[in-house]
């Protein structure tokens, strides 16, 4: 039987200005498990409730952990250091959320809940923090440039066809 995620009242958290700290095992975050090579380890979180400069209920969510990914360049293991802090503004309704300007990149707005699942929130933000194309900073796999082939010459796929056209003694067949 799985242990339920702790929940918070997002508005009460903001008004009280309190801090919540904890960690969740990656194995418990099923959607995140699709992106990692091993479900070992934890994601640590700190949530600081606050009222922002404009008087809105808000919270800072800080995530920290080490996730095992696959480098998309060389297919080897890649350790991704998760270290992200995001400010969230809590709004009361979907309508209020939809009326906010989308140009504000400094603050993410979400509909505040009286029973916001901490683990689901942490999982959502962890997934959004993953690189679109995980790769090592310095990878031994050759890079393909837009101008031409990779540094390592690949065999010509048509060479096999040329070999089929030639007889065993190397002379060309005529059909």
Protein backbone atom coordinates (compact mmCIF):
# COMPACT_ATOMS: atom_id res chain seq x y z
CA UNK A 1 0.00 0.00 0.00
CA UNK A 2 1.47 3.35 -1.02
CA UNK A 3 1.79 6.21 1.41
CA UNK A 4 -0.34 9.20 0.35
CA UNK A 5 1.38 12.45 -0.53
CA UNK A 6 1.28 15.17 2.11
CA UNK A 7 -0.97 18.07 1.17
CA UNK A 8 -0.93 21.75 1.99
CA UNK A 9 -3.40 24.59 1.89
CA UNK A 10 -1.54 26.83 -0.53
CA UNK A 11 -3.28 30.01 0.65
CA UNK A 12 -2.67 29.27 4.34
CA UNK A 13 0.98 28.50 3.56
CA UNK A 14 1.38 31.86 1.83
CA UNK A 15 -0.38 33.83 4.60
CA UNK A 16 1.57 32.14 7.39
CA UNK A 17 4.93 32.49 5.62
CA UNK A 18 6.03 29.12 6.90
CA UNK A 19 8.58 26.73 5.40
CA UNK A 20 8.00 23.10 4.53
CA UNK A 21 10.96 20.82 3.87
CA UNK A 22 11.07 17.21 2.85
CA UNK A 23 12.09 14.66 0.29
CA UNK A 24 10.34 12.15 -1.88
CA UNK A 25 11.82 8.96 -3.32
CA UNK A 26 12.09 9.05 -7.09
CA UNK A 27 10.50 5.58 -7.10
CA UNK A 28 7.28 7.14 -5.77
CA UNK A 29 7.11 9.62 -8.66
CA UNK A 30 5.76 7.35 -11.39
CA UNK A 31 5.64 9.91 -14.21
CA UNK A 32 9.22 10.99 -13.48
CA UNK A 33 10.32 7.33 -13.58
CA UNK A 34 9.66 7.37 -17.36
CA UNK A 35 12.48 9.91 -17.81
CA UNK A 36 15.18 8.40 -15.59
CA UNK A 37 17.25 5.25 -15.95
CA UNK A 38 17.01 4.32 -12.29
CA UNK A 39 14.47 5.24 -9.68
CA UNK A 40 17.09 5.34 -6.93
CA UNK A 41 17.55 8.52 -4.95
CA UNK A 42 15.37 11.34 -3.74
CA UNK A 43 14.18 14.77 -4.77
CA UNK A 44 14.53 17.20 -1.88
CA UNK A 45 12.22 20.18 -1.66
CA UNK A 46 11.82 23.38 0.33
CA UNK A 47 8.64 25.41 0.05
CA UNK A 48 8.57 28.93 1.48
CA UNK A 49 5.15 30.54 1.69
CA UNK A 50 5.01 34.31 1.23
CA UNK A 51 3.00 37.29 0.08
CA UNK A 52 4.73 38.73 -2.99
CA UNK A 53 5.55 42.40 -3.64
CA UNK A 54 2.18 42.89 -5.32
CA UNK A 55 0.27 41.44 -2.37
CA UNK A 56 -0.53 38.06 -3.92
CA UNK A 57 -0.28 34.73 -2.08
CA UNK A 58 2.82 32.94 -3.35
CA UNK A 59 5.50 30.39 -2.59
CA UNK A 60 9.09 29.68 -3.58
CA UNK A 61 9.68 26.03 -4.45
CA UNK A 62 13.30 24.85 -4.36
CA UNK A 63 14.15 21.40 -5.75
CA UNK A 64 17.42 19.53 -5.38
CA UNK A 65 18.55 16.06 -6.39
CA UNK A 66 20.59 13.89 -8.72
CA UNK A 67 18.75 12.17 -11.53
CA UNK A 68 20.13 9.45 -13.79
CA UNK A 69 19.37 10.19 -17.45
CA UNK A 70 20.66 8.95 -20.82
CA UNK A 71 22.88 11.18 -22.95
CA UNK A 72 21.15 11.59 -26.30
CA UNK A 73 24.50 12.05 -28.02
CA UNK A 74 26.36 8.92 -26.88
CA UNK A 75 23.64 6.86 -25.10
CA UNK A 76 25.77 6.61 -21.95
CA UNK A 77 24.60 7.34 -18.42
CA UNK A 78 24.31 11.00 -17.50
CA UNK A 79 23.94 12.38 -14.00
CA UNK A 80 21.72 15.45 -14.02
CA UNK A 81 22.06 17.85 -11.10
CA UNK A 82 18.60 19.20 -10.28
CA UNK A 83 18.86 22.58 -8.56
CA UNK A 84 15.90 24.81 -9.32
CA UNK A 85 14.01 27.53 -7.49
CA UNK A 86 10.74 28.84 -8.89
CA UNK A 87 8.30 31.39 -7.52
CA UNK A 88 4.62 30.52 -7.79
CA UNK A 89 1.68 32.87 -7.42
CA UNK A 90 -1.51 31.25 -6.20
CA UNK A 91 -4.74 32.35 -7.88
CA UNK A 92 -8.27 31.40 -6.82
CA UNK A 93 -9.77 30.18 -10.13
CA UNK A 94 -8.96 28.97 -13.65
CA UNK A 95 -10.55 32.17 -14.98
CA UNK A 96 -8.15 34.30 -12.96
CA UNK A 97 -5.24 32.16 -14.17
CA UNK A 98 -6.30 32.52 -17.80
CA UNK A 99 -6.62 36.30 -17.46
CA UNK A 100 -2.98 36.77 -16.38
CA UNK A 101 -0.48 38.03 -18.99
CA UNK A 102 1.70 35.23 -20.30
CA UNK A 103 4.73 37.50 -20.76
CA UNK A 104 5.67 37.33 -17.06
CA UNK A 105 8.47 34.73 -16.99
CA UNK A 106 9.62 35.50 -13.45
CA UNK A 107 6.56 34.05 -11.73
CA UNK A 108 4.55 30.94 -12.53
CA UNK A 109 0.89 31.18 -11.60
CA UNK A 110 -1.13 28.15 -10.56
CA UNK A 111 -4.59 27.68 -9.14
CA UNK A 112 -4.14 27.45 -5.39
CA UNK A 113 -5.77 24.54 -3.62
CA UNK A 114 -6.83 23.83 -0.07
CA UNK A 115 -5.29 20.36 -0.46
CA UNK A 116 -2.37 20.76 -2.87
CA UNK A 117 -0.41 17.51 -3.18
CA UNK A 118 3.22 18.31 -2.44
CA UNK A 119 4.58 15.24 -4.21
CA UNK A 120 2.58 15.89 -7.40
CA UNK A 121 3.75 19.51 -7.41
CA UNK A 122 7.37 18.42 -6.88
CA UNK A 123 7.04 15.79 -9.61
CA UNK A 124 5.55 18.25 -12.12
CA UNK A 125 8.30 20.79 -11.53
CA UNK A 126 11.05 18.15 -11.61
CA UNK A 127 9.85 16.93 -15.01
CA UNK A 128 9.69 20.51 -16.30
CA UNK A 129 13.28 21.03 -15.06
CA UNK A 130 14.72 18.18 -17.14
CA UNK A 131 16.68 19.12 -20.24
CA UNK A 132 14.81 18.62 -23.52
CA UNK A 133 17.81 16.80 -24.95
CA UNK A 134 20.00 15.42 -22.15
CA UNK A 135 23.67 15.31 -23.10
CA UNK A 136 27.08 15.51 -21.51
CA UNK A 137 28.78 18.91 -21.58
CA UNK A 138 31.84 17.21 -23.05
CA UNK A 139 30.82 14.05 -24.85
CA UNK A 140 33.10 11.66 -26.72
CA UNK A 141 30.46 10.94 -29.38
CA UNK A 142 31.00 12.77 -32.66
CA UNK A 143 28.77 15.72 -33.39
CA UNK A 144 27.01 16.04 -36.70
CA UNK A 145 27.18 19.50 -38.10
CA UNK A 146 24.46 21.09 -40.16
CA UNK A 147 26.95 21.60 -42.99
CA UNK A 148 28.09 18.04 -43.42
CA UNK A 149 28.58 14.54 -42.07
CA UNK A 150 30.01 13.68 -38.68
CA UNK A 151 33.73 13.68 -38.07
CA UNK A 152 33.77 9.87 -38.33
CA UNK A 153 33.02 8.66 -41.86
CA UNK A 154 30.04 6.33 -41.94
CA UNK A 155 30.00 3.47 -44.43
CA UNK A 156 28.16 4.24 -47.64
CA UNK A 157 24.82 2.39 -47.56
CA UNK A 158 24.94 2.03 -51.37
CA UNK A 159 28.26 0.17 -51.29
CA UNK A 160 26.34 -3.06 -50.66
CA UNK A 161 24.28 -2.47 -53.80
CA UNK A 162 27.46 -1.93 -55.82
CA UNK A 163 28.76 -5.23 -54.50
CA UNK A 164 25.58 -6.98 -55.63
CA UNK A 165 26.01 -5.61 -59.14
CA UNK A 166 29.51 -7.11 -59.44
CA UNK A 167 30.19 -10.81 -60.08
CA UNK A 168 32.36 -12.76 -57.70
CA UNK A 169 35.37 -12.05 -59.91
CA UNK A 170 34.75 -8.28 -59.74
CA UNK A 171 33.31 -7.85 -63.22
CA UNK A 172 30.05 -6.02 -63.74
CA UNK A 173 26.90 -7.95 -64.50
CA UNK A 174 24.85 -6.97 -67.50
CA UNK A 175 21.12 -7.52 -67.26
